PDB file of all heavy atoms in Angstrom:
ATOM      1  N   VAL A   1     -28.895 -89.841  39.589  1.00  0.00           N
ATOM      2  CA  VAL A   1     -29.325 -89.953  38.201  1.00  0.00           C
ATOM      3  C   VAL A   1     -28.879 -88.692  37.475  1.00  0.00           C
ATOM      4  O   VAL A   1     -29.148 -87.577  37.937  1.00  0.00           O
ATOM      5  CB  VAL A   1     -30.852 -90.107  38.082  1.00  0.00           C
ATOM      6  CG1 VAL A   1     -31.285 -90.074  36.619  1.00  0.00           C
ATOM      7  CG2 VAL A   1     -31.324 -91.399  38.744  1.00  0.00           C
ATOM      8  N   SER A   2     -28.173 -88.867  36.371  1.00  0.00           N
ATOM      9  CA  SER A   2     -27.732 -87.727  35.572  1.00  0.00           C
ATOM     10  C   SER A   2     -28.246 -87.906  34.155  1.00  0.00           C
ATOM     11  O   SER A   2     -28.128 -88.982  33.581  1.00  0.00           O
ATOM     12  CB  SER A   2     -26.205 -87.632  35.575  1.00  0.00           C
ATOM     13  OG  SER A   2     -25.768 -86.429  34.953  1.00  0.00           O
ATOM     14  N   TYR A   3     -28.847 -86.861  33.606  1.00  0.00           N
ATOM     15  CA  TYR A   3     -29.409 -86.970  32.261  1.00  0.00           C
ATOM     16  C   TYR A   3     -28.878 -85.865  31.360  1.00  0.00           C
ATOM     17  O   TYR A   3     -28.404 -84.825  31.828  1.00  0.00           O
ATOM     18  CB  TYR A   3     -30.936 -86.963  32.307  1.00  0.00           C
ATOM     19  CG  TYR A   3     -31.582 -85.648  32.711  1.00  0.00           C
ATOM     20  CD1 TYR A   3     -31.932 -84.695  31.755  1.00  0.00           C
ATOM     21  CD2 TYR A   3     -31.866 -85.361  34.045  1.00  0.00           C
ATOM     22  CE1 TYR A   3     -32.535 -83.495  32.109  1.00  0.00           C
ATOM     23  CE2 TYR A   3     -32.461 -84.169  34.419  1.00  0.00           C
ATOM     24  CZ  TYR A   3     -32.798 -83.238  33.445  1.00  0.00           C
ATOM     25  OH  TYR A   3     -33.383 -82.052  33.799  1.00  0.00           O
ATOM     26  N   ALA A   4     -28.948 -86.114  30.068  1.00  0.00           N
ATOM     27  CA  ALA A   4     -28.436 -85.160  29.082  1.00  0.00           C
ATOM     28  C   ALA A   4     -29.562 -84.299  28.527  1.00  0.00           C
ATOM     29  O   ALA A   4     -29.783 -83.182  28.986  1.00  0.00           O
ATOM     30  CB  ALA A   4     -27.710 -85.907  27.969  1.00  0.00           C
ATOM     31  N   ALA A   5     -30.299 -84.805  27.545  1.00  0.00           N
ATOM     32  CA  ALA A   5     -31.345 -84.012  26.898  1.00  0.00           C
ATOM     33  C   ALA A   5     -32.578 -83.880  27.792  1.00  0.00           C
ATOM     34  O   ALA A   5     -32.966 -84.842  28.446  1.00  0.00           O
ATOM     35  CB  ALA A   5     -31.745 -84.666  25.573  1.00  0.00           C
ATOM     36  N   PRO A   6     -33.190 -82.692  27.795  1.00  0.00           N
ATOM     37  CA  PRO A   6     -34.452 -82.549  28.522  1.00  0.00           C
ATOM     38  C   PRO A   6     -35.571 -83.203  27.719  1.00  0.00           C
ATOM     39  O   PRO A   6     -35.524 -83.241  26.499  1.00  0.00           O
ATOM     40  CB  PRO A   6     -34.636 -81.032  28.575  1.00  0.00           C
ATOM     41  CG  PRO A   6     -33.983 -80.557  27.307  1.00  0.00           C
ATOM     42  CD  PRO A   6     -32.793 -81.468  27.121  1.00  0.00           C
ATOM     43  N   ASP A   7     -36.546 -83.751  28.408  1.00  0.00           N
ATOM     44  CA  ASP A   7     -37.732 -84.270  27.728  1.00  0.00           C
ATOM     45  C   ASP A   7     -38.903 -83.369  28.103  1.00  0.00           C
ATOM     46  O   ASP A   7     -39.592 -83.600  29.100  1.00  0.00           O
ATOM     47  CB  ASP A   7     -38.011 -85.719  28.129  1.00  0.00           C
ATOM     48  CG  ASP A   7     -39.101 -86.344  27.257  1.00  0.00           C
ATOM     49  OD1 ASP A   7     -39.881 -85.591  26.644  1.00  0.00           O
ATOM     50  OD2 ASP A   7     -39.165 -87.582  27.190  1.00  0.00           O
ATOM     51  N   ALA A   8     -39.098 -82.330  27.315  1.00  0.00           N
ATOM     52  CA  ALA A   8     -40.134 -81.357  27.618  1.00  0.00           C
ATOM     53  C   ALA A   8     -41.535 -81.919  27.454  1.00  0.00           C
ATOM     54  O   ALA A   8     -42.509 -81.328  27.930  1.00  0.00           O
ATOM     55  CB  ALA A   8     -39.962 -80.129  26.713  1.00  0.00           C
ATOM     56  N   TRP A   9     -41.653 -83.074  26.803  1.00  0.00           N
ATOM     57  CA  TRP A   9     -42.970 -83.642  26.506  1.00  0.00           C
ATOM     58  C   TRP A   9     -43.505 -84.494  27.650  1.00  0.00           C
ATOM     59  O   TRP A   9     -44.666 -84.407  28.011  1.00  0.00           O
ATOM     60  CB  TRP A   9     -42.883 -84.461  25.221  1.00  0.00           C
ATOM     61  CG  TRP A   9     -44.144 -85.187  24.834  1.00  0.00           C
ATOM     62  CD1 TRP A   9     -44.346 -86.520  24.785  1.00  0.00           C
ATOM     63  CD2 TRP A   9     -45.375 -84.589  24.397  1.00  0.00           C
ATOM     64  NE1 TRP A   9     -45.622 -86.809  24.359  1.00  0.00           N
ATOM     65  CE2 TRP A   9     -46.279 -85.642  24.114  1.00  0.00           C
ATOM     66  CE3 TRP A   9     -45.798 -83.255  24.230  1.00  0.00           C
ATOM     67  CZ2 TRP A   9     -47.583 -85.415  23.672  1.00  0.00           C
ATOM     68  CZ3 TRP A   9     -47.092 -83.036  23.797  1.00  0.00           C
ATOM     69  CH2 TRP A   9     -47.966 -84.092  23.517  1.00  0.00           C
ATOM     70  N   ILE A  10     -42.657 -85.335  28.235  1.00  0.00           N
ATOM     71  CA  ILE A  10     -43.182 -86.329  29.174  1.00  0.00           C
ATOM     72  C   ILE A  10     -42.384 -86.492  30.449  1.00  0.00           C
ATOM     73  O   ILE A  10     -42.800 -87.193  31.368  1.00  0.00           O
ATOM     74  CB  ILE A  10     -43.288 -87.697  28.468  1.00  0.00           C
ATOM     75  CG1 ILE A  10     -44.219 -88.652  29.229  1.00  0.00           C
ATOM     76  CG2 ILE A  10     -41.898 -88.311  28.305  1.00  0.00           C
ATOM     77  CD1 ILE A  10     -44.491 -89.947  28.499  1.00  0.00           C
ATOM     78  N   ALA A  11     -41.251 -85.861  30.571  1.00  0.00           N
ATOM     79  CA  ALA A  11     -40.329 -86.165  31.667  1.00  0.00           C
ATOM     80  C   ALA A  11     -40.927 -85.890  33.036  1.00  0.00           C
ATOM     81  O   ALA A  11     -41.697 -84.957  33.231  1.00  0.00           O
ATOM     82  CB  ALA A  11     -39.062 -85.352  31.500  1.00  0.00           C
ATOM     83  N   GLU A  12     -40.528 -86.709  33.984  1.00  0.00           N
ATOM     84  CA  GLU A  12     -40.976 -86.571  35.363  1.00  0.00           C
ATOM     85  C   GLU A  12     -39.818 -86.796  36.326  1.00  0.00           C
ATOM     86  O   GLU A  12     -39.977 -87.482  37.337  1.00  0.00           O
ATOM     87  CB  GLU A  12     -42.100 -87.574  35.657  1.00  0.00           C
ATOM     88  CG  GLU A  12     -43.437 -87.200  35.050  1.00  0.00           C
ATOM     89  CD  GLU A  12     -44.059 -85.975  35.702  1.00  0.00           C
ATOM     90  OE1 GLU A  12     -43.673 -85.630  36.848  1.00  0.00           O
ATOM     91  OE2 GLU A  12     -44.935 -85.362  35.077  1.00  0.00           O
ATOM     92  N   SER A  13     -38.661 -86.239  36.013  1.00  0.00           N
ATOM     93  CA  SER A  13     -37.532 -86.415  36.919  1.00  0.00           C
ATOM     94  C   SER A  13     -37.830 -85.852  38.298  1.00  0.00           C
ATOM     95  O   SER A  13     -37.236 -86.260  39.298  1.00  0.00           O
ATOM     96  CB  SER A  13     -36.285 -85.742  36.351  1.00  0.00           C
ATOM     97  OG  SER A  13     -35.835 -86.423  35.207  1.00  0.00           O
ATOM     98  N   ASN A  14     -38.781 -84.879  38.378  1.00  0.00           N
ATOM     99  CA  ASN A  14     -39.095 -84.326  39.695  1.00  0.00           C
ATOM    100  C   ASN A  14     -39.751 -85.364  40.591  1.00  0.00           C
ATOM    101  O   ASN A  14     -39.865 -85.169  41.800  1.00  0.00           O
ATOM    102  CB  ASN A  14     -39.964 -83.078  39.568  1.00  0.00           C
ATOM    103  CG  ASN A  14     -41.307 -83.355  38.910  1.00  0.00           C
ATOM    104  OD1 ASN A  14     -41.550 -84.448  38.397  1.00  0.00           O
ATOM    105  ND2 ASN A  14     -42.188 -82.370  38.913  1.00  0.00           N
ATOM    106  N   LEU A  15     -40.188 -86.484  40.033  1.00  0.00           N
ATOM    107  CA  LEU A  15     -40.701 -87.576  40.852  1.00  0.00           C
ATOM    108  C   LEU A  15     -39.640 -88.033  41.841  1.00  0.00           C
ATOM    109  O   LEU A  15     -39.949 -88.437  42.962  1.00  0.00           O
ATOM    110  CB  LEU A  15     -41.142 -88.744  39.963  1.00  0.00           C
ATOM    111  CG  LEU A  15     -41.724 -90.007  40.624  1.00  0.00           C
ATOM    112  CD1 LEU A  15     -42.746 -90.653  39.696  1.00  0.00           C
ATOM    113  CD2 LEU A  15     -40.634 -91.025  40.942  1.00  0.00           C
ATOM    114  N   LEU A  16     -38.367 -87.946  41.435  1.00  0.00           N
ATOM    115  CA  LEU A  16     -37.270 -88.391  42.281  1.00  0.00           C
ATOM    116  C   LEU A  16     -37.073 -87.491  43.494  1.00  0.00           C
ATOM    117  O   LEU A  16     -36.565 -87.932  44.522  1.00  0.00           O
ATOM    118  CB  LEU A  16     -35.972 -88.446  41.477  1.00  0.00           C
ATOM    119  CG  LEU A  16     -35.921 -89.496  40.359  1.00  0.00           C
ATOM    120  CD1 LEU A  16     -34.707 -89.254  39.472  1.00  0.00           C
ATOM    121  CD2 LEU A  16     -35.885 -90.897  40.950  1.00  0.00           C
ATOM    122  N   THR A  17     -37.464 -86.245  43.362  1.00  0.00           N
ATOM    123  CA  THR A  17     -37.208 -85.293  44.437  1.00  0.00           C
ATOM    124  C   THR A  17     -38.471 -84.748  45.101  1.00  0.00           C
ATOM    125  O   THR A  17     -38.382 -84.133  46.168  1.00  0.00           O
ATOM    126  CB  THR A  17     -36.397 -84.104  43.897  1.00  0.00           C
ATOM    127  OG1 THR A  17     -37.066 -83.550  42.754  1.00  0.00           O
ATOM    128  CG2 THR A  17     -34.997 -84.544  43.479  1.00  0.00           C
ATOM    129  N   HIS A  18     -39.654 -84.973  44.489  1.00  0.00           N
ATOM    130  CA  HIS A  18     -40.873 -84.379  45.018  1.00  0.00           C
ATOM    131  C   HIS A  18     -41.914 -85.393  45.489  1.00  0.00           C
ATOM    132  O   HIS A  18     -42.778 -85.052  46.297  1.00  0.00           O
ATOM    133  CB  HIS A  18     -41.520 -83.462  43.973  1.00  0.00           C
ATOM    134  CG  HIS A  18     -40.752 -82.202  43.729  1.00  0.00           C
ATOM    135  ND1 HIS A  18     -39.525 -82.186  43.092  1.00  0.00           N
ATOM    136  CD2 HIS A  18     -41.006 -80.916  44.048  1.00  0.00           C
ATOM    137  CE1 HIS A  18     -39.071 -80.941  43.010  1.00  0.00           C
ATOM    138  NE2 HIS A  18     -39.951 -80.159  43.585  1.00  0.00           N
ATOM    139  N   ASP A  19     -41.861 -86.619  44.990  1.00  0.00           N
ATOM    140  CA  ASP A  19     -42.819 -87.618  45.437  1.00  0.00           C
ATOM    141  C   ASP A  19     -42.565 -87.929  46.915  1.00  0.00           C
ATOM    142  O   ASP A  19     -41.418 -88.153  47.322  1.00  0.00           O
ATOM    143  CB  ASP A  19     -42.676 -88.896  44.609  1.00  0.00           C
ATOM    144  CG  ASP A  19     -43.629 -89.986  45.069  1.00  0.00           C
ATOM    145  OD1 ASP A  19     -44.798 -89.966  44.659  1.00  0.00           O
ATOM    146  OD2 ASP A  19     -43.180 -90.854  45.863  1.00  0.00           O
ATOM    147  N   PRO A  20     -43.612 -87.951  47.746  1.00  0.00           N
ATOM    148  CA  PRO A  20     -43.413 -88.144  49.191  1.00  0.00           C
ATOM    149  C   PRO A  20     -42.634 -89.406  49.548  1.00  0.00           C
ATOM    150  O   PRO A  20     -41.807 -89.382  50.471  1.00  0.00           O
ATOM    151  CB  PRO A  20     -44.851 -88.212  49.728  1.00  0.00           C
ATOM    152  CG  PRO A  20     -45.643 -87.408  48.754  1.00  0.00           C
ATOM    153  CD  PRO A  20     -45.017 -87.695  47.418  1.00  0.00           C
ATOM    154  N   TYR A  21     -42.867 -90.502  48.842  1.00  0.00           N
ATOM    155  CA  TYR A  21     -42.160 -91.741  49.157  1.00  0.00           C
ATOM    156  C   TYR A  21     -40.782 -91.777  48.503  1.00  0.00           C
ATOM    157  O   TYR A  21     -39.764 -91.996  49.170  1.00  0.00           O
ATOM    158  CB  TYR A  21     -42.967 -92.955  48.694  1.00  0.00           C
ATOM    159  CG  TYR A  21     -42.206 -94.258  48.854  1.00  0.00           C
ATOM    160  CD1 TYR A  21     -41.961 -94.786  50.113  1.00  0.00           C
ATOM    161  CD2 TYR A  21     -41.707 -94.939  47.747  1.00  0.00           C
ATOM    162  CE1 TYR A  21     -41.246 -95.966  50.277  1.00  0.00           C
ATOM    163  CE2 TYR A  21     -40.987 -96.126  47.894  1.00  0.00           C
ATOM    164  CZ  TYR A  21     -40.765 -96.630  49.164  1.00  0.00           C
ATOM    165  OH  TYR A  21     -40.041 -97.794  49.296  1.00  0.00           O
ATOM    166  N   VAL A  22     -40.715 -91.543  47.180  1.00  0.00           N
ATOM    167  CA  VAL A  22     -39.453 -91.665  46.458  1.00  0.00           C
ATOM    168  C   VAL A  22     -38.428 -90.647  46.953  1.00  0.00           C
ATOM    169  O   VAL A  22     -37.229 -90.956  47.047  1.00  0.00           O
ATOM    170  CB  VAL A  22     -39.686 -91.506  44.935  1.00  0.00           C
ATOM    171  CG1 VAL A  22     -38.360 -91.542  44.186  1.00  0.00           C
ATOM    172  CG2 VAL A  22     -40.606 -92.598  44.425  1.00  0.00           C
ATOM    173  N   SER A  23     -38.863 -89.452  47.282  1.00  0.00           N
ATOM    174  CA  SER A  23     -37.921 -88.414  47.703  1.00  0.00           C
ATOM    175  C   SER A  23     -37.180 -88.796  48.982  1.00  0.00           C
ATOM    176  O   SER A  23     -36.061 -88.332  49.225  1.00  0.00           O
ATOM    177  CB  SER A  23     -38.641 -87.080  47.903  1.00  0.00           C
ATOM    178  OG  SER A  23     -39.599 -87.158  48.942  1.00  0.00           O
ATOM    179  N   ARG A  24     -37.762 -89.679  49.798  1.00  0.00           N
ATOM    180  CA  ARG A  24     -37.090 -90.105  51.023  1.00  0.00           C
ATOM    181  C   ARG A  24     -35.852 -90.950  50.730  1.00  0.00           C
ATOM    182  O   ARG A  24     -35.001 -91.152  51.605  1.00  0.00           O
ATOM    183  CB  ARG A  24     -38.059 -90.893  51.912  1.00  0.00           C
ATOM    184  CG  ARG A  24     -39.172 -90.063  52.505  1.00  0.00           C
ATOM    185  CD  ARG A  24     -39.742 -90.705  53.768  1.00  0.00           C
ATOM    186  NE  ARG A  24     -40.335 -92.006  53.526  1.00  0.00           N
ATOM    187  CZ  ARG A  24     -41.619 -92.211  53.203  1.00  0.00           C
ATOM    188  NH1 ARG A  24     -42.428 -91.162  53.076  1.00  0.00           N
ATOM    189  NH2 ARG A  24     -42.079 -93.433  53.020  1.00  0.00           N
ATOM    190  N   LYS A  25     -35.730 -91.438  49.513  1.00  0.00           N
ATOM    191  CA  LYS A  25     -34.559 -92.234  49.137  1.00  0.00           C
ATOM    192  C   LYS A  25     -33.338 -91.356  48.859  1.00  0.00           C
ATOM    193  O   LYS A  25     -32.221 -91.860  48.710  1.00  0.00           O
ATOM    194  CB  LYS A  25     -34.884 -93.106  47.919  1.00  0.00           C
ATOM    195  CG  LYS A  25     -35.948 -94.162  48.235  1.00  0.00           C
ATOM    196  CD  LYS A  25     -36.193 -95.071  47.063  1.00  0.00           C
ATOM    197  CE  LYS A  25     -37.202 -96.153  47.422  1.00  0.00           C
ATOM    198  NZ  LYS A  25     -36.718 -97.069  48.485  1.00  0.00           N
ATOM    199  N   GLY A  26     -33.558 -90.063  48.738  1.00  0.00           N
ATOM    200  CA  GLY A  26     -32.433 -89.139  48.597  1.00  0.00           C
ATOM    201  C   GLY A  26     -31.702 -89.222  47.273  1.00  0.00           C
ATOM    202  O   GLY A  26     -30.470 -89.093  47.232  1.00  0.00           O
ATOM    203  N   VAL A  27     -32.427 -89.425  46.190  1.00  0.00           N
ATOM    204  CA  VAL A  27     -31.795 -89.511  44.869  1.00  0.00           C
ATOM    205  C   VAL A  27     -31.393 -88.110  44.404  1.00  0.00           C
ATOM    206  O   VAL A  27     -32.209 -87.187  44.383  1.00  0.00           O
ATOM    207  CB  VAL A  27     -32.738 -90.157  43.840  1.00  0.00           C
ATOM    208  CG1 VAL A  27     -32.058 -90.233  42.472  1.00  0.00           C
ATOM    209  CG2 VAL A  27     -33.165 -91.549  44.300  1.00  0.00           C
ATOM    210  N   ARG A  28     -30.139 -87.972  44.026  1.00  0.00           N
ATOM    211  CA  ARG A  28     -29.641 -86.696  43.507  1.00  0.00           C
ATOM    212  C   ARG A  28     -29.777 -86.687  41.990  1.00  0.00           C
ATOM    213  O   ARG A  28     -29.483 -87.690  41.332  1.00  0.00           O
ATOM    214  CB  ARG A  28     -28.174 -86.511  43.909  1.00  0.00           C
ATOM    215  CG  ARG A  28     -27.556 -85.184  43.454  1.00  0.00           C
ATOM    216  CD  ARG A  28     -26.241 -84.958  44.179  1.00  0.00           C
ATOM    217  NE  ARG A  28     -25.251 -85.987  43.876  1.00  0.00           N
ATOM    218  CZ  ARG A  28     -24.345 -85.880  42.901  1.00  0.00           C
ATOM    219  NH1 ARG A  28     -24.319 -84.806  42.118  1.00  0.00           N
ATOM    220  NH2 ARG A  28     -23.465 -86.850  42.718  1.00  0.00           N
ATOM    221  N   VAL A  29     -30.230 -85.564  41.431  1.00  0.00           N
ATOM    222  CA  VAL A  29     -30.412 -85.434  39.986  1.00  0.00           C
ATOM    223  C   VAL A  29     -29.466 -84.357  39.467  1.00  0.00           C
ATOM    224  O   VAL A  29     -29.397 -83.258  40.028  1.00  0.00           O
ATOM    225  CB  VAL A  29     -31.869 -85.059  39.637  1.00  0.00           C
ATOM    226  CG1 VAL A  29     -32.034 -84.903  38.128  1.00  0.00           C
ATOM    227  CG2 VAL A  29     -32.837 -86.111  40.171  1.00  0.00           C
ATOM    228  N   SER A  30     -28.721 -84.675  38.404  1.00  0.00           N
ATOM    229  CA  SER A  30     -27.801 -83.710  37.816  1.00  0.00           C
ATOM    230  C   SER A  30     -27.884 -83.776  36.294  1.00  0.00           C
ATOM    231  O   SER A  30     -28.630 -84.586  35.735  1.00  0.00           O
ATOM    232  CB  SER A  30     -26.361 -83.972  38.284  1.00  0.00           C
ATOM    233  OG  SER A  30     -25.879 -85.215  37.784  1.00  0.00           O
ATOM    234  N   ARG A  31     -27.124 -82.928  35.624  1.00  0.00           N
ATOM    235  CA  ARG A  31     -27.140 -82.852  34.167  1.00  0.00           C
ATOM    236  C   ARG A  31     -25.765 -83.195  33.586  1.00  0.00           C
ATOM    237  O   ARG A  31     -24.730 -83.003  34.226  1.00  0.00           O
ATOM    238  CB  ARG A  31     -27.521 -81.432  33.705  1.00  0.00           C
ATOM    239  CG  ARG A  31     -28.906 -80.975  34.089  1.00  0.00           C
ATOM    240  CD  ARG A  31     -30.010 -81.786  33.432  1.00  0.00           C
ATOM    241  NE  ARG A  31     -29.923 -81.767  31.982  1.00  0.00           N
ATOM    242  CZ  ARG A  31     -30.431 -80.787  31.217  1.00  0.00           C
ATOM    243  NH1 ARG A  31     -31.034 -79.750  31.765  1.00  0.00           N
ATOM    244  NH2 ARG A  31     -30.335 -80.854  29.897  1.00  0.00           N
ATOM    245  N   ALA A  32     -25.800 -83.685  32.362  1.00  0.00           N
ATOM    246  CA  ALA A  32     -24.573 -83.968  31.615  1.00  0.00           C
ATOM    247  C   ALA A  32     -23.900 -82.664  31.201  1.00  0.00           C
ATOM    248  O   ALA A  32     -24.518 -81.594  31.226  1.00  0.00           O
ATOM    249  CB  ALA A  32     -24.921 -84.782  30.369  1.00  0.00           C
ATOM    250  N   PRO A  33     -22.635 -82.725  30.785  1.00  0.00           N
ATOM    251  CA  PRO A  33     -21.983 -81.535  30.223  1.00  0.00           C
ATOM    252  C   PRO A  33     -22.792 -81.009  29.031  1.00  0.00           C
ATOM    253  O   PRO A  33     -23.444 -81.772  28.319  1.00  0.00           O
ATOM    254  CB  PRO A  33     -20.612 -82.056  29.792  1.00  0.00           C
ATOM    255  CG  PRO A  33     -20.370 -83.244  30.663  1.00  0.00           C
ATOM    256  CD  PRO A  33     -21.716 -83.878  30.853  1.00  0.00           C
ATOM    257  N   GLU A  34     -22.717 -79.719  28.813  1.00  0.00           N
ATOM    258  CA  GLU A  34     -23.548 -79.070  27.790  1.00  0.00           C
ATOM    259  C   GLU A  34     -23.394 -79.671  26.396  1.00  0.00           C
ATOM    260  O   GLU A  34     -24.405 -79.877  25.707  1.00  0.00           O
ATOM    261  CB  GLU A  34     -23.256 -77.572  27.771  1.00  0.00           C
ATOM    262  CG  GLU A  34     -24.282 -76.749  26.998  1.00  0.00           C
ATOM    263  CD  GLU A  34     -24.005 -76.747  25.496  1.00  0.00           C
ATOM    264  OE1 GLU A  34     -22.833 -76.916  25.123  1.00  0.00           O
ATOM    265  OE2 GLU A  34     -24.965 -76.572  24.722  1.00  0.00           O
ATOM    266  N   PRO A  35     -22.175 -80.003  25.935  1.00  0.00           N
ATOM    267  CA  PRO A  35     -22.082 -80.605  24.605  1.00  0.00           C
ATOM    268  C   PRO A  35     -22.815 -81.943  24.500  1.00  0.00           C
ATOM    269  O   PRO A  35     -23.365 -82.291  23.454  1.00  0.00           O
ATOM    270  CB  PRO A  35     -20.567 -80.788  24.408  1.00  0.00           C
ATOM    271  CG  PRO A  35     -19.941 -79.776  25.302  1.00  0.00           C
ATOM    272  CD  PRO A  35     -20.838 -79.728  26.497  1.00  0.00           C
ATOM    273  N   VAL A  36     -22.838 -82.709  25.590  1.00  0.00           N
ATOM    274  CA  VAL A  36     -23.567 -83.979  25.596  1.00  0.00           C
ATOM    275  C   VAL A  36     -25.067 -83.702  25.554  1.00  0.00           C
ATOM    276  O   VAL A  36     -25.817 -84.382  24.847  1.00  0.00           O
ATOM    277  CB  VAL A  36     -23.203 -84.811  26.837  1.00  0.00           C
ATOM    278  CG1 VAL A  36     -24.001 -86.119  26.858  1.00  0.00           C
ATOM    279  CG2 VAL A  36     -21.714 -85.101  26.872  1.00  0.00           C
ATOM    280  N   GLN A  37     -25.519 -82.690  26.295  1.00  0.00           N
ATOM    281  CA  GLN A  37     -26.927 -82.306  26.264  1.00  0.00           C
ATOM    282  C   GLN A  37     -27.359 -81.988  24.829  1.00  0.00           C
ATOM    283  O   GLN A  37     -28.405 -82.447  24.364  1.00  0.00           O
ATOM    284  CB  GLN A  37     -27.167 -81.077  27.134  1.00  0.00           C
ATOM    285  CG  GLN A  37     -26.930 -81.283  28.614  1.00  0.00           C
ATOM    286  CD  GLN A  37     -27.220 -80.014  29.406  1.00  0.00           C
ATOM    287  OE1 GLN A  37     -28.096 -79.226  29.056  1.00  0.00           O
ATOM    288  NE2 GLN A  37     -26.469 -79.801  30.481  1.00  0.00           N
ATOM    289  N   ARG A  38     -26.551 -81.189  24.150  1.00  0.00           N
ATOM    290  CA  ARG A  38     -26.893 -80.750  22.802  1.00  0.00           C
ATOM    291  C   ARG A  38     -26.951 -81.927  21.827  1.00  0.00           C
ATOM    292  O   ARG A  38     -27.913 -82.072  21.066  1.00  0.00           O
ATOM    293  CB  ARG A  38     -25.877 -79.715  22.317  1.00  0.00           C
ATOM    294  CG  ARG A  38     -26.174 -79.165  20.908  1.00  0.00           C
ATOM    295  CD  ARG A  38     -25.272 -77.998  20.570  1.00  0.00           C
ATOM    296  NE  ARG A  38     -23.852 -78.345  20.618  1.00  0.00           N
ATOM    297  CZ  ARG A  38     -22.990 -77.884  21.524  1.00  0.00           C
ATOM    298  NH1 ARG A  38     -23.396 -77.056  22.460  1.00  0.00           N
ATOM    299  NH2 ARG A  38     -21.717 -78.243  21.483  1.00  0.00           N
ATOM    300  N   ALA A  39     -25.941 -82.772  21.848  1.00  0.00           N
ATOM    301  CA  ALA A  39     -25.905 -83.908  20.919  1.00  0.00           C
ATOM    302  C   ALA A  39     -27.072 -84.852  21.176  1.00  0.00           C
ATOM    303  O   ALA A  39     -27.725 -85.329  20.241  1.00  0.00           O
ATOM    304  CB  ALA A  39     -24.579 -84.649  21.055  1.00  0.00           C
ATOM    305  N   ALA A  40     -27.338 -85.142  22.453  1.00  0.00           N
ATOM    306  CA  ALA A  40     -28.413 -86.071  22.788  1.00  0.00           C
ATOM    307  C   ALA A  40     -29.773 -85.530  22.385  1.00  0.00           C
ATOM    308  O   ALA A  40     -30.630 -86.266  21.863  1.00  0.00           O
ATOM    309  CB  ALA A  40     -28.390 -86.371  24.283  1.00  0.00           C
ATOM    310  N   LEU A  41     -30.004 -84.230  22.613  1.00  0.00           N
ATOM    311  CA  LEU A  41     -31.297 -83.637  22.260  1.00  0.00           C
ATOM    312  C   LEU A  41     -31.496 -83.628  20.752  1.00  0.00           C
ATOM    313  O   LEU A  41     -32.569 -83.994  20.253  1.00  0.00           O
ATOM    314  CB  LEU A  41     -31.394 -82.216  22.822  1.00  0.00           C
ATOM    315  CG  LEU A  41     -32.693 -81.462  22.495  1.00  0.00           C
ATOM    316  CD1 LEU A  41     -33.916 -82.263  22.936  1.00  0.00           C
ATOM    317  CD2 LEU A  41     -32.698 -80.083  23.140  1.00  0.00           C
TER     318      LEU A  41
END
């Protein structure tokens, strides 16, 4: 899963890497290029 803008209000992307069950699926989380981050935010 790759995302652009951060959601400082509600985001829970750490669920993908920290939840005991979901983390076993090995989902990798990354970020979009910086210009995409800026435009999306």
